[in-house]
N, C-alpha and C. Protein backbone atom coordinates (compact mmCIF):
# COMPACT_ATOMS: atom_id res chain seq x y z
N MET A 1 -21.27 10.16 30.11
CA MET A 1 -20.15 10.31 29.21
C MET A 1 -20.51 11.32 28.13
N VAL A 2 -19.67 12.30 27.95
CA VAL A 2 -19.90 13.33 26.96
C VAL A 2 -19.21 12.93 25.66
N GLU A 3 -19.97 12.97 24.57
CA GLU A 3 -19.39 12.62 23.27
C GLU A 3 -18.55 13.78 22.75
N LYS A 4 -17.41 13.42 22.19
CA LYS A 4 -16.54 14.43 21.61
C LYS A 4 -17.10 14.89 20.27
N GLU A 5 -17.04 16.16 20.04
CA GLU A 5 -17.43 16.69 18.74
C GLU A 5 -16.27 16.46 17.77
N PRO A 6 -16.53 15.94 16.58
CA PRO A 6 -15.44 15.73 15.63
C PRO A 6 -14.70 17.03 15.34
N LYS A 7 -13.38 16.93 15.11
CA LYS A 7 -12.58 18.11 14.83
C LYS A 7 -12.95 18.73 13.48
N TRP A 8 -13.45 17.94 12.59
CA TRP A 8 -13.88 18.44 11.30
C TRP A 8 -14.97 17.52 10.76
N ARG A 9 -15.69 18.02 9.83
CA ARG A 9 -16.76 17.24 9.20
C ARG A 9 -16.33 16.78 7.82
N MET A 10 -16.86 15.66 7.36
CA MET A 10 -16.50 15.14 6.05
C MET A 10 -16.87 16.12 4.94
N LYS A 11 -17.95 16.86 5.10
CA LYS A 11 -18.38 17.76 4.03
C LYS A 11 -17.37 18.88 3.80
N ASP A 12 -16.53 19.16 4.79
CA ASP A 12 -15.51 20.20 4.66
C ASP A 12 -14.29 19.72 3.89
N HIS A 13 -14.15 18.42 3.69
CA HIS A 13 -12.98 17.85 3.03
C HIS A 13 -13.44 17.00 1.85
N PRO A 14 -13.42 17.56 0.62
CA PRO A 14 -13.96 16.84 -0.53
C PRO A 14 -13.27 15.52 -0.82
N LEU A 15 -11.96 15.40 -0.51
CA LEU A 15 -11.26 14.14 -0.77
C LEU A 15 -11.89 13.00 0.00
N PHE A 16 -12.23 13.25 1.26
CA PHE A 16 -12.81 12.21 2.08
C PHE A 16 -14.26 11.93 1.70
N VAL A 17 -14.94 12.91 1.15
CA VAL A 17 -16.31 12.68 0.68
C VAL A 17 -16.28 11.73 -0.50
N ILE A 18 -15.29 11.90 -1.40
CA ILE A 18 -15.17 11.01 -2.55
C ILE A 18 -14.86 9.59 -2.09
N MET A 19 -13.99 9.47 -1.09
CA MET A 19 -13.57 8.15 -0.61
C MET A 19 -14.62 7.49 0.27
N SER A 20 -15.54 8.27 0.79
CA SER A 20 -16.44 7.73 1.80
C SER A 20 -17.44 6.75 1.20
N SER A 21 -17.83 5.80 2.01
CA SER A 21 -18.91 4.89 1.68
C SER A 21 -19.82 4.81 2.89
N SER A 22 -20.87 4.05 2.79
CA SER A 22 -21.83 4.01 3.88
C SER A 22 -21.24 3.41 5.16
N GLY A 23 -20.15 2.66 5.05
CA GLY A 23 -19.55 2.03 6.22
C GLY A 23 -18.52 2.89 6.93
N ASP A 24 -18.23 4.08 6.40
CA ASP A 24 -17.23 4.94 7.03
C ASP A 24 -17.78 5.53 8.32
N GLN A 25 -16.87 5.76 9.25
CA GLN A 25 -17.25 6.33 10.53
C GLN A 25 -16.22 7.36 10.92
N ILE A 26 -16.59 8.22 11.87
CA ILE A 26 -15.65 9.18 12.43
C ILE A 26 -15.31 8.67 13.82
N ASN A 27 -13.99 8.46 14.08
CA ASN A 27 -13.59 7.92 15.37
C ASN A 27 -13.54 9.02 16.43
N GLN A 28 -13.02 8.70 17.60
CA GLN A 28 -13.02 9.62 18.73
C GLN A 28 -12.22 10.89 18.45
N ASN A 29 -11.20 10.80 17.62
CA ASN A 29 -10.36 11.95 17.31
C ASN A 29 -10.85 12.75 16.12
N GLY A 30 -11.99 12.36 15.55
CA GLY A 30 -12.52 13.07 14.40
C GLY A 30 -11.91 12.64 13.09
N VAL A 31 -11.25 11.49 13.05
CA VAL A 31 -10.62 10.99 11.84
C VAL A 31 -11.57 10.00 11.17
N VAL A 32 -11.73 10.14 9.85
CA VAL A 32 -12.60 9.23 9.10
C VAL A 32 -11.92 7.88 8.99
N THR A 33 -12.62 6.83 9.36
CA THR A 33 -12.09 5.48 9.22
C THR A 33 -12.88 4.77 8.12
N MET A 34 -12.16 4.11 7.22
CA MET A 34 -12.82 3.41 6.12
C MET A 34 -13.31 2.04 6.59
N ASN A 35 -14.28 1.56 5.88
CA ASN A 35 -14.79 0.22 6.09
C ASN A 35 -13.65 -0.77 5.78
N MET A 36 -13.56 -1.86 6.53
CA MET A 36 -12.48 -2.84 6.34
C MET A 36 -12.51 -3.46 4.96
N TYR A 37 -13.67 -3.56 4.33
CA TYR A 37 -13.74 -4.14 3.00
C TYR A 37 -12.98 -3.29 1.98
N MET A 38 -12.90 -1.99 2.22
CA MET A 38 -12.13 -1.12 1.33
C MET A 38 -10.65 -1.47 1.42
N TYR A 39 -10.15 -1.72 2.61
CA TYR A 39 -8.76 -2.14 2.78
C TYR A 39 -8.50 -3.48 2.09
N TYR A 40 -9.44 -4.41 2.24
CA TYR A 40 -9.29 -5.71 1.59
C TYR A 40 -9.26 -5.55 0.07
N ALA A 41 -10.09 -4.68 -0.47
CA ALA A 41 -10.14 -4.47 -1.91
C ALA A 41 -8.83 -3.86 -2.41
N ILE A 42 -8.32 -2.86 -1.71
CA ILE A 42 -7.06 -2.23 -2.11
C ILE A 42 -5.92 -3.24 -2.05
N PHE A 43 -5.84 -4.01 -0.98
CA PHE A 43 -4.80 -5.03 -0.83
C PHE A 43 -4.92 -6.08 -1.93
N SER A 44 -6.13 -6.50 -2.24
CA SER A 44 -6.33 -7.51 -3.28
C SER A 44 -5.91 -7.00 -4.65
N LEU A 45 -6.21 -5.74 -4.95
CA LEU A 45 -5.80 -5.16 -6.23
C LEU A 45 -4.28 -5.11 -6.35
N ILE A 46 -3.60 -4.72 -5.29
CA ILE A 46 -2.14 -4.69 -5.32
C ILE A 46 -1.59 -6.10 -5.50
N LEU A 47 -2.17 -7.07 -4.81
CA LEU A 47 -1.73 -8.46 -4.91
C LEU A 47 -1.93 -9.00 -6.32
N VAL A 48 -3.08 -8.77 -6.93
CA VAL A 48 -3.36 -9.25 -8.28
C VAL A 48 -2.45 -8.56 -9.29
N PHE A 49 -2.22 -7.25 -9.12
CA PHE A 49 -1.31 -6.52 -10.01
C PHE A 49 0.09 -7.12 -9.96
N GLY A 50 0.59 -7.40 -8.77
CA GLY A 50 1.91 -8.01 -8.63
C GLY A 50 1.98 -9.38 -9.26
N LEU A 51 0.94 -10.18 -9.08
CA LEU A 51 0.90 -11.52 -9.66
C LEU A 51 0.91 -11.47 -11.19
N VAL A 52 0.06 -10.62 -11.76
CA VAL A 52 -0.03 -10.52 -13.22
C VAL A 52 1.28 -10.03 -13.81
N THR A 53 1.87 -8.98 -13.23
CA THR A 53 3.12 -8.47 -13.78
C THR A 53 4.26 -9.47 -13.63
N THR A 54 4.26 -10.25 -12.55
CA THR A 54 5.29 -11.28 -12.39
C THR A 54 5.19 -12.32 -13.50
N PHE A 55 3.99 -12.76 -13.81
CA PHE A 55 3.82 -13.74 -14.89
C PHE A 55 4.15 -13.13 -16.25
N MET A 56 3.80 -11.87 -16.44
CA MET A 56 4.13 -11.22 -17.72
C MET A 56 5.64 -11.16 -17.93
N ILE A 57 6.37 -10.85 -16.88
CA ILE A 57 7.83 -10.81 -16.99
C ILE A 57 8.39 -12.21 -17.19
N GLY A 58 7.85 -13.18 -16.45
CA GLY A 58 8.35 -14.55 -16.54
C GLY A 58 8.13 -15.19 -17.90
N PHE A 59 7.02 -14.84 -18.54
CA PHE A 59 6.70 -15.44 -19.84
C PHE A 59 7.04 -14.53 -21.02
N SER A 60 7.83 -13.50 -20.78
CA SER A 60 8.19 -12.59 -21.88
C SER A 60 9.11 -13.30 -22.87
N ARG A 61 9.17 -12.78 -24.08
CA ARG A 61 9.97 -13.39 -25.13
C ARG A 61 11.45 -13.42 -24.75
N LYS A 62 11.92 -12.33 -24.14
CA LYS A 62 13.33 -12.27 -23.76
C LYS A 62 13.67 -13.36 -22.74
N ASN A 63 12.78 -13.63 -21.82
CA ASN A 63 13.03 -14.69 -20.83
C ASN A 63 12.92 -16.08 -21.46
N ARG A 64 12.03 -16.25 -22.42
CA ARG A 64 11.91 -17.55 -23.06
C ARG A 64 13.13 -17.87 -23.92
N GLU A 65 13.66 -16.85 -24.60
CA GLU A 65 14.83 -17.07 -25.45
C GLU A 65 16.10 -17.21 -24.62
N GLY A 66 16.13 -16.59 -23.47
CA GLY A 66 17.31 -16.66 -22.62
C GLY A 66 18.27 -15.51 -22.90
N ASP A 67 19.04 -15.18 -21.91
CA ASP A 67 20.01 -14.10 -22.02
C ASP A 67 21.36 -14.64 -21.57
N THR A 68 22.30 -14.65 -22.50
CA THR A 68 23.62 -15.23 -22.19
C THR A 68 24.40 -14.39 -21.18
N SER A 69 24.12 -13.11 -21.08
CA SER A 69 24.86 -12.25 -20.15
C SER A 69 24.18 -12.15 -18.79
N TYR A 70 23.15 -12.95 -18.57
CA TYR A 70 22.38 -12.84 -17.32
C TYR A 70 23.21 -13.16 -16.09
N PHE A 71 24.08 -14.14 -16.18
CA PHE A 71 24.85 -14.58 -15.02
C PHE A 71 26.17 -13.82 -14.86
N GLN A 72 26.34 -12.73 -15.57
CA GLN A 72 27.50 -11.88 -15.39
C GLN A 72 27.15 -10.71 -14.48
N LYS A 73 28.08 -10.26 -13.70
CA LYS A 73 27.89 -9.15 -12.75
C LYS A 73 26.72 -9.41 -11.80
N THR A 74 26.70 -10.59 -11.21
CA THR A 74 25.60 -10.92 -10.31
C THR A 74 25.65 -10.13 -9.01
N GLY A 75 26.84 -9.72 -8.58
CA GLY A 75 26.96 -8.95 -7.34
C GLY A 75 26.20 -7.64 -7.41
N VAL A 76 26.29 -6.96 -8.54
CA VAL A 76 25.58 -5.69 -8.74
C VAL A 76 24.07 -5.92 -8.73
N LYS A 77 23.65 -6.99 -9.37
CA LYS A 77 22.22 -7.30 -9.42
C LYS A 77 21.67 -7.63 -8.03
N TRP A 78 22.43 -8.40 -7.25
CA TRP A 78 21.98 -8.74 -5.90
C TRP A 78 21.94 -7.50 -5.01
N ALA A 79 22.91 -6.63 -5.16
CA ALA A 79 22.92 -5.39 -4.36
C ALA A 79 21.72 -4.52 -4.70
N ARG A 80 21.40 -4.37 -5.98
CA ARG A 80 20.25 -3.57 -6.39
C ARG A 80 18.94 -4.19 -5.91
N LEU A 81 18.81 -5.49 -6.06
CA LEU A 81 17.59 -6.17 -5.61
C LEU A 81 17.42 -6.05 -4.10
N THR A 82 18.51 -6.22 -3.37
CA THR A 82 18.46 -6.09 -1.91
C THR A 82 18.08 -4.68 -1.50
N SER A 83 18.59 -3.68 -2.23
CA SER A 83 18.25 -2.29 -1.89
C SER A 83 16.76 -2.04 -2.11
N PHE A 84 16.15 -2.64 -3.13
CA PHE A 84 14.70 -2.49 -3.32
C PHE A 84 13.94 -3.03 -2.12
N TYR A 85 14.34 -4.20 -1.65
CA TYR A 85 13.66 -4.79 -0.49
C TYR A 85 13.87 -3.96 0.77
N VAL A 86 15.07 -3.45 0.97
CA VAL A 86 15.35 -2.63 2.15
C VAL A 86 14.49 -1.37 2.14
N VAL A 87 14.41 -0.71 1.00
CA VAL A 87 13.59 0.50 0.88
C VAL A 87 12.12 0.17 1.11
N ALA A 88 11.63 -0.93 0.54
CA ALA A 88 10.23 -1.31 0.71
C ALA A 88 9.92 -1.65 2.17
N ILE A 89 10.81 -2.35 2.85
CA ILE A 89 10.59 -2.71 4.25
C ILE A 89 10.61 -1.46 5.13
N ILE A 90 11.54 -0.55 4.89
CA ILE A 90 11.59 0.68 5.68
C ILE A 90 10.33 1.52 5.45
N ALA A 91 9.89 1.63 4.19
CA ALA A 91 8.68 2.39 3.89
C ALA A 91 7.46 1.74 4.56
N GLY A 92 7.39 0.42 4.54
CA GLY A 92 6.29 -0.28 5.19
C GLY A 92 6.28 -0.06 6.70
N LEU A 93 7.46 -0.12 7.31
CA LEU A 93 7.55 0.11 8.75
C LEU A 93 7.18 1.54 9.11
N LEU A 94 7.62 2.51 8.32
CA LEU A 94 7.25 3.90 8.57
C LEU A 94 5.75 4.11 8.43
N ALA A 95 5.14 3.48 7.43
CA ALA A 95 3.69 3.58 7.26
C ALA A 95 2.96 2.95 8.44
N LEU A 96 3.46 1.82 8.92
CA LEU A 96 2.84 1.16 10.07
C LEU A 96 2.95 2.03 11.32
N ILE A 97 4.12 2.61 11.54
CA ILE A 97 4.31 3.47 12.71
C ILE A 97 3.39 4.69 12.62
N ALA A 98 3.29 5.29 11.43
CA ALA A 98 2.41 6.44 11.25
C ALA A 98 0.96 6.05 11.51
N TYR A 99 0.56 4.88 11.02
CA TYR A 99 -0.81 4.42 11.23
C TYR A 99 -1.09 4.22 12.72
N ILE A 100 -0.19 3.55 13.39
CA ILE A 100 -0.39 3.29 14.82
C ILE A 100 -0.37 4.59 15.62
N ARG A 101 0.54 5.48 15.28
CA ARG A 101 0.71 6.70 16.06
C ARG A 101 -0.40 7.71 15.84
N TYR A 102 -0.81 7.92 14.61
CA TYR A 102 -1.72 9.01 14.30
C TYR A 102 -3.17 8.60 14.09
N LEU A 103 -3.43 7.42 13.57
CA LEU A 103 -4.81 7.07 13.24
C LEU A 103 -5.51 6.27 14.34
N ILE A 104 -4.78 5.51 15.11
CA ILE A 104 -5.44 4.68 16.11
C ILE A 104 -5.65 5.43 17.42
N GLN A 105 -4.81 6.39 17.73
CA GLN A 105 -4.92 7.09 19.01
C GLN A 105 -6.24 7.76 19.18
């Protein structure tokens, strides 16, 4: 079996040199793959950030005092909230498709 020569080297791409750690590898297509612990760390940071900001909003002074106009125009609020979720789901699916199509092959 003949080993494929990587299409490029990490030293030619400074961004990947900065991101690289000892666990990084170059796969069959010459793409740098990060260590799985890096993915876990990034995911954990996003999760903790979301948790902290949710509690900050929930315990804010405005929420503790209450807002009398909160239950007015709920249709607009639901439409805006739903649009955020739709955009996030579509972006996540596109990222997953790109990952499967370009990085795993």
